[in-house]
Amino acid sequence: MRAWRLSVIVWLCWGFIWHNAQSGVLGEAVVSRNAQSKAPTSSARSQYVLHCAGCHGLDGSGAPQAQVPDMRSLAVFLKLDGGREFLLKIPGLMGSGLDDQSVANVSNWVFANLVENKPEKFQEFTAAEVAKARQSPLNDVALARTKLQQLAAAQGLHIP
């Protein structure tokens, strides 16, 4: 009788362990695929942290050794023809998964909090401007950046 009880207990424990292994460790989702976040990231700062800071850093300094630009010097682009549009079309921003309004909000947050030497009368980015930028993505980011660097040099400006 005691052996029978022990085998039932072992069997129940094994079933519990197997079930939990199937729902978590082996990759089966424990929560519904459509579950709402308990902490939605609605602030521009939190979206920057989730979508941008992994490469650009919390302070926007980037990683020159990995060719990740320093966002603190983005104000130079606003002084160049096509610079503002370039900033909205960079693949990291366009491919972030953020909607147009969120892209505008994050871009405005970056300029308000990280960018140095921005113009006094900075015109905030809009969702409509982002939507327009999505219609003509950059085909060659390096070429577009090089052209802007040359334009900047001709005006006595420097894009790092």
C-alpha atoms as a PDB file:
ATOM      1  CA  MET A   1       0.000   0.000   0.000  1.00  0.00           C
ATOM      2  CA  ARG A   2       2.799   2.374   0.898  1.00  0.00           C
ATOM      3  CA  ALA A   3       4.595   1.641  -2.400  1.00  0.00           C
ATOM      4  CA  TRP A   4       1.391   2.390  -4.288  1.00  0.00           C
ATOM      5  CA  ARG A   5       1.017   5.787  -2.588  1.00  0.00           C
ATOM      6  CA  LEU A   6       4.647   6.580  -3.276  1.00  0.00           C
ATOM      7  CA  SER A   7       4.241   5.699  -6.959  1.00  0.00           C
ATOM      8  CA  VAL A   8       1.134   7.948  -7.210  1.00  0.00           C
ATOM      9  CA  ILE A   9       3.037  10.821  -5.601  1.00  0.00           C
ATOM     10  CA  VAL A  10       6.011  10.302  -7.936  1.00  0.00           C
ATOM     11  CA  TRP A  11       3.664  10.106 -10.915  1.00  0.00           C
ATOM     12  CA  LEU A  12       1.900  13.384  -9.908  1.00  0.00           C
ATOM     13  CA  CYS A  13       5.210  15.155  -9.321  1.00  0.00           C
ATOM     14  CA  TRP A  14       6.549  13.947 -12.658  1.00  0.00           C
ATOM     15  CA  GLY A  15       3.396  15.201 -14.392  1.00  0.00           C
ATOM     16  CA  PHE A  16       3.749  18.589 -12.707  1.00  0.00           C
ATOM     17  CA  ILE A  17       7.424  18.859 -13.692  1.00  0.00           C
ATOM     18  CA  TRP A  18       6.709  17.724 -17.253  1.00  0.00           C
ATOM     19  CA  HIS A  19       3.846  20.193 -17.647  1.00  0.00           C
ATOM     20  CA  ASN A  20       5.972  23.112 -16.388  1.00  0.00           C
ATOM     21  CA  ALA A  21       8.871  22.087 -18.602  1.00  0.00           C
ATOM     22  CA  GLN A  22       6.543  22.068 -21.592  1.00  0.00           C
ATOM     23  CA  SER A  23       5.123  25.498 -20.789  1.00  0.00           C
ATOM     24  CA  GLY A  24       8.323  27.357 -20.108  1.00  0.00           C
ATOM     25  CA  VAL A  25      11.654  25.722 -20.527  1.00  0.00           C
ATOM     26  CA  LEU A  26      11.004  24.110 -23.888  1.00  0.00           C
ATOM     27  CA  GLY A  27       9.757  27.331 -25.396  1.00  0.00           C
ATOM     28  CA  GLU A  28       5.967  27.045 -25.334  1.00  0.00           C
ATOM     29  CA  ALA A  29       4.513  30.415 -24.409  1.00  0.00           C
ATOM     30  CA  VAL A  30       3.144  30.594 -20.892  1.00  0.00           C
ATOM     31  CA  VAL A  31       1.066  33.684 -21.646  1.00  0.00           C
ATOM     32  CA  SER A  32      -1.281  34.400 -24.477  1.00  0.00           C
ATOM     33  CA  ARG A  33       0.364  35.757 -27.602  1.00  0.00           C
ATOM     34  CA  ASN A  34      -2.093  38.659 -27.505  1.00  0.00           C
ATOM     35  CA  ALA A  35      -1.538  39.531 -23.846  1.00  0.00           C
ATOM     36  CA  GLN A  36      -1.417  43.245 -23.139  1.00  0.00           C
ATOM     37  CA  SER A  37       1.702  44.612 -21.490  1.00  0.00           C
ATOM     38  CA  LYS A  38       1.317  45.385 -17.813  1.00  0.00           C
ATOM     39  CA  ALA A  39       3.699  48.308 -18.328  1.00  0.00           C
ATOM     40  CA  PRO A  40       3.165  49.737 -21.803  1.00  0.00           C
ATOM     41  CA  THR A  41       5.988  51.918 -23.018  1.00  0.00           C
ATOM     42  CA  SER A  42       4.160  55.045 -23.983  1.00  0.00           C
ATOM     43  CA  SER A  43       6.660  57.726 -23.042  1.00  0.00           C
ATOM     44  CA  ALA A  44       9.144  58.868 -25.655  1.00  0.00           C
ATOM     45  CA  ARG A  45      11.984  58.293 -23.192  1.00  0.00           C
ATOM     46  CA  SER A  46      11.009  54.681 -22.539  1.00  0.00           C
ATOM     47  CA  GLN A  47      10.665  54.068 -26.265  1.00  0.00           C
ATOM     48  CA  TYR A  48      14.140  55.563 -26.785  1.00  0.00           C
ATOM     49  CA  VAL A  49      15.520  53.230 -24.127  1.00  0.00           C
ATOM     50  CA  LEU A  50      13.883  50.168 -25.715  1.00  0.00           C
ATOM     51  CA  HIS A  51      14.491  50.955 -29.381  1.00  0.00           C
ATOM     52  CA  CYS A  52      17.595  53.159 -29.534  1.00  0.00           C
ATOM     53  CA  ALA A  53      19.733  53.046 -26.397  1.00  0.00           C
ATOM     54  CA  GLY A  54      20.973  49.514 -27.059  1.00  0.00           C
ATOM     55  CA  CYS A  55      23.215  50.908 -29.803  1.00  0.00           C
ATOM     56  CA  HIS A  56      23.341  54.652 -29.154  1.00  0.00           C
ATOM     57  CA  GLY A  57      23.611  54.410 -25.364  1.00  0.00           C
ATOM     58  CA  LEU A  58      21.462  56.101 -22.754  1.00  0.00           C
ATOM     59  CA  ASP A  59      23.333  59.358 -23.329  1.00  0.00           C
ATOM     60  CA  GLY A  60      23.215  59.136 -27.140  1.00  0.00           C
ATOM     61  CA  SER A  61      27.005  58.936 -27.452  1.00  0.00           C
ATOM     62  CA  GLY A  62      26.898  55.958 -29.827  1.00  0.00           C
ATOM     63  CA  ALA A  63      29.798  53.604 -30.451  1.00  0.00           C
ATOM     64  CA  PRO A  64      32.283  54.957 -33.002  1.00  0.00           C
ATOM     65  CA  GLN A  65      34.189  51.646 -33.111  1.00  0.00           C
ATOM     66  CA  ALA A  66      30.973  49.974 -34.321  1.00  0.00           C
ATOM     67  CA  GLN A  67      30.038  52.883 -36.618  1.00  0.00           C
ATOM     68  CA  VAL A  68      27.070  53.859 -34.436  1.00  0.00           C
ATOM     69  CA  PRO A  69      26.822  57.662 -34.679  1.00  0.00           C
ATOM     70  CA  ASP A  70      26.869  60.011 -31.723  1.00  0.00           C
ATOM     71  CA  MET A  71      23.335  61.408 -31.558  1.00  0.00           C
ATOM     72  CA  ARG A  72      24.450  64.384 -29.513  1.00  0.00           C
ATOM     73  CA  SER A  73      25.790  66.042 -32.688  1.00  0.00           C
ATOM     74  CA  LEU A  74      22.620  65.700 -34.781  1.00  0.00           C
ATOM     75  CA  ALA A  75      21.971  69.449 -34.784  1.00  0.00           C
ATOM     76  CA  VAL A  76      24.446  69.837 -37.664  1.00  0.00           C
ATOM     77  CA  PHE A  77      22.052  67.939 -39.940  1.00  0.00           C
ATOM     78  CA  LEU A  78      19.361  70.583 -39.405  1.00  0.00           C
ATOM     79  CA  LYS A  79      21.649  73.162 -41.033  1.00  0.00           C
ATOM     80  CA  LEU A  80      21.928  71.167 -44.274  1.00  0.00           C
ATOM     81  CA  ASP A  81      19.565  70.796 -47.211  1.00  0.00           C
ATOM     82  CA  GLY A  82      18.111  67.299 -46.849  1.00  0.00           C
ATOM     83  CA  GLY A  83      19.570  66.789 -43.376  1.00  0.00           C
ATOM     84  CA  ARG A  84      16.288  66.834 -41.504  1.00  0.00           C
ATOM     85  CA  GLU A  85      14.776  64.333 -43.947  1.00  0.00           C
ATOM     86  CA  PHE A  86      17.874  62.142 -43.639  1.00  0.00           C
ATOM     87  CA  LEU A  87      17.439  61.946 -39.865  1.00  0.00           C
ATOM     88  CA  LEU A  88      13.911  60.612 -40.263  1.00  0.00           C
ATOM     89  CA  LYS A  89      14.895  58.057 -42.897  1.00  0.00           C
ATOM     90  CA  ILE A  90      17.738  56.289 -41.131  1.00  0.00           C
ATOM     91  CA  PRO A  91      17.010  52.544 -41.054  1.00  0.00           C
ATOM     92  CA  GLY A  92      17.266  52.217 -37.274  1.00  0.00           C
ATOM     93  CA  LEU A  93      14.454  54.692 -36.842  1.00  0.00           C
ATOM     94  CA  MET A  94      12.302  53.528 -39.741  1.00  0.00           C
ATOM     95  CA  GLY A  95      12.779  49.869 -38.800  1.00  0.00           C
ATOM     96  CA  SER A  96      12.128  50.369 -35.091  1.00  0.00           C
ATOM     97  CA  GLY A  97       8.534  49.146 -35.281  1.00  0.00           C
ATOM     98  CA  LEU A  98       7.263  52.437 -33.887  1.00  0.00           C
ATOM     99  CA  ASP A  99       4.287  54.134 -35.513  1.00  0.00           C
ATOM    100  CA  ASP A 100       4.648  57.567 -37.117  1.00  0.00           C
ATOM    101  CA  GLN A 101       3.596  59.520 -34.038  1.00  0.00           C
ATOM    102  CA  SER A 102       5.948  57.543 -31.796  1.00  0.00           C
ATOM    103  CA  VAL A 103       8.860  58.096 -34.201  1.00  0.00           C
ATOM    104  CA  ALA A 104       8.140  61.832 -34.106  1.00  0.00           C
ATOM    105  CA  ASN A 105       7.862  61.790 -30.306  1.00  0.00           C
ATOM    106  CA  VAL A 106      11.130  59.877 -29.837  1.00  0.00           C
ATOM    107  CA  SER A 107      12.934  62.131 -32.326  1.00  0.00           C
ATOM    108  CA  ASN A 108      11.663  65.208 -30.488  1.00  0.00           C
ATOM    109  CA  TRP A 109      12.696  63.707 -27.143  1.00  0.00           C
ATOM    110  CA  VAL A 110      16.197  63.046 -28.491  1.00  0.00           C
ATOM    111  CA  PHE A 111      16.507  66.659 -29.644  1.00  0.00           C
ATOM    112  CA  ALA A 112      15.118  68.005 -26.375  1.00  0.00           C
ATOM    113  CA  ASN A 113      17.292  65.852 -24.119  1.00  0.00           C
ATOM    114  CA  LEU A 114      20.392  64.574 -25.893  1.00  0.00           C
ATOM    115  CA  VAL A 115      21.299  66.804 -28.835  1.00  0.00           C
ATOM    116  CA  GLU A 116      23.823  69.539 -28.176  1.00  0.00           C
ATOM    117  CA  ASN A 117      23.842  72.942 -29.890  1.00  0.00           C
ATOM    118  CA  LYS A 118      20.355  72.624 -31.338  1.00  0.00           C
ATOM    119  CA  PRO A 119      18.823  75.719 -32.901  1.00  0.00           C
ATOM    120  CA  GLU A 120      16.851  78.007 -30.613  1.00  0.00           C
ATOM    121  CA  LYS A 121      13.796  77.681 -32.819  1.00  0.00           C
ATOM    122  CA  PHE A 122      13.816  73.932 -33.274  1.00  0.00           C
ATOM    123  CA  GLN A 123      10.800  72.804 -35.283  1.00  0.00           C
ATOM    124  CA  GLU A 124       9.492  69.574 -33.797  1.00  0.00           C
ATOM    125  CA  PHE A 125       9.040  66.535 -36.006  1.00  0.00           C
ATOM    126  CA  THR A 126       5.446  65.555 -36.806  1.00  0.00           C
ATOM    127  CA  ALA A 127       3.724  62.274 -37.562  1.00  0.00           C
ATOM    128  CA  ALA A 128       2.858  63.604 -41.029  1.00  0.00           C
ATOM    129  CA  GLU A 129       6.531  64.326 -41.686  1.00  0.00           C
ATOM    130  CA  VAL A 130       7.458  60.795 -40.619  1.00  0.00           C
ATOM    131  CA  ALA A 131       4.745  59.290 -42.827  1.00  0.00           C
ATOM    132  CA  LYS A 132       6.109  61.266 -45.790  1.00  0.00           C
ATOM    133  CA  ALA A 133       9.662  60.082 -45.037  1.00  0.00           C
ATOM    134  CA  ARG A 134       8.492  56.458 -45.058  1.00  0.00           C
ATOM    135  CA  GLN A 135       7.290  56.897 -48.648  1.00  0.00           C
ATOM    136  CA  SER A 136      10.869  57.292 -49.959  1.00  0.00           C
ATOM    137  CA  PRO A 137      13.295  55.228 -47.851  1.00  0.00           C
ATOM    138  CA  LEU A 138      17.052  55.579 -48.178  1.00  0.00           C
ATOM    139  CA  ASN A 139      18.536  53.061 -50.598  1.00  0.00           C
ATOM    140  CA  ASP A 140      22.139  53.743 -49.618  1.00  0.00           C
ATOM    141  CA  VAL A 141      22.543  55.232 -46.143  1.00  0.00           C
ATOM    142  CA  ALA A 142      26.337  55.492 -46.379  1.00  0.00           C
ATOM    143  CA  LEU A 143      26.144  57.382 -49.670  1.00  0.00           C
ATOM    144  CA  ALA A 144      23.465  59.763 -48.360  1.00  0.00           C
ATOM    145  CA  ARG A 145      25.526  60.413 -45.215  1.00  0.00           C
ATOM    146  CA  THR A 146      28.705  60.963 -47.230  1.00  0.00           C
ATOM    147  CA  LYS A 147      26.919  63.526 -49.425  1.00  0.00           C
ATOM    148  CA  LEU A 148      25.711  65.349 -46.320  1.00  0.00           C
ATOM    149  CA  GLN A 149      29.222  65.241 -44.825  1.00  0.00           C
ATOM    150  CA  GLN A 150      30.584  66.811 -48.031  1.00  0.00           C
ATOM    151  CA  LEU A 151      27.859  69.449 -47.982  1.00  0.00           C
ATOM    152  CA  ALA A 152      28.655  70.176 -44.348  1.00  0.00           C
ATOM    153  CA  ALA A 153      32.401  70.452 -45.062  1.00  0.00           C
ATOM    154  CA  ALA A 154      31.687  72.921 -47.879  1.00  0.00           C
ATOM    155  CA  GLN A 155      29.842  75.075 -45.308  1.00  0.00           C
ATOM    156  CA  GLY A 156      32.614  74.765 -42.718  1.00  0.00           C
ATOM    157  CA  LEU A 157      30.601  72.299 -40.613  1.00  0.00           C
ATOM    158  CA  HIS A 158      31.610  68.858 -39.409  1.00  0.00           C
ATOM    159  CA  ILE A 159      29.538  65.680 -39.132  1.00  0.00           C
ATOM    160  CA  PRO A 160      31.431  63.158 -37.013  1.00  0.00           C
END
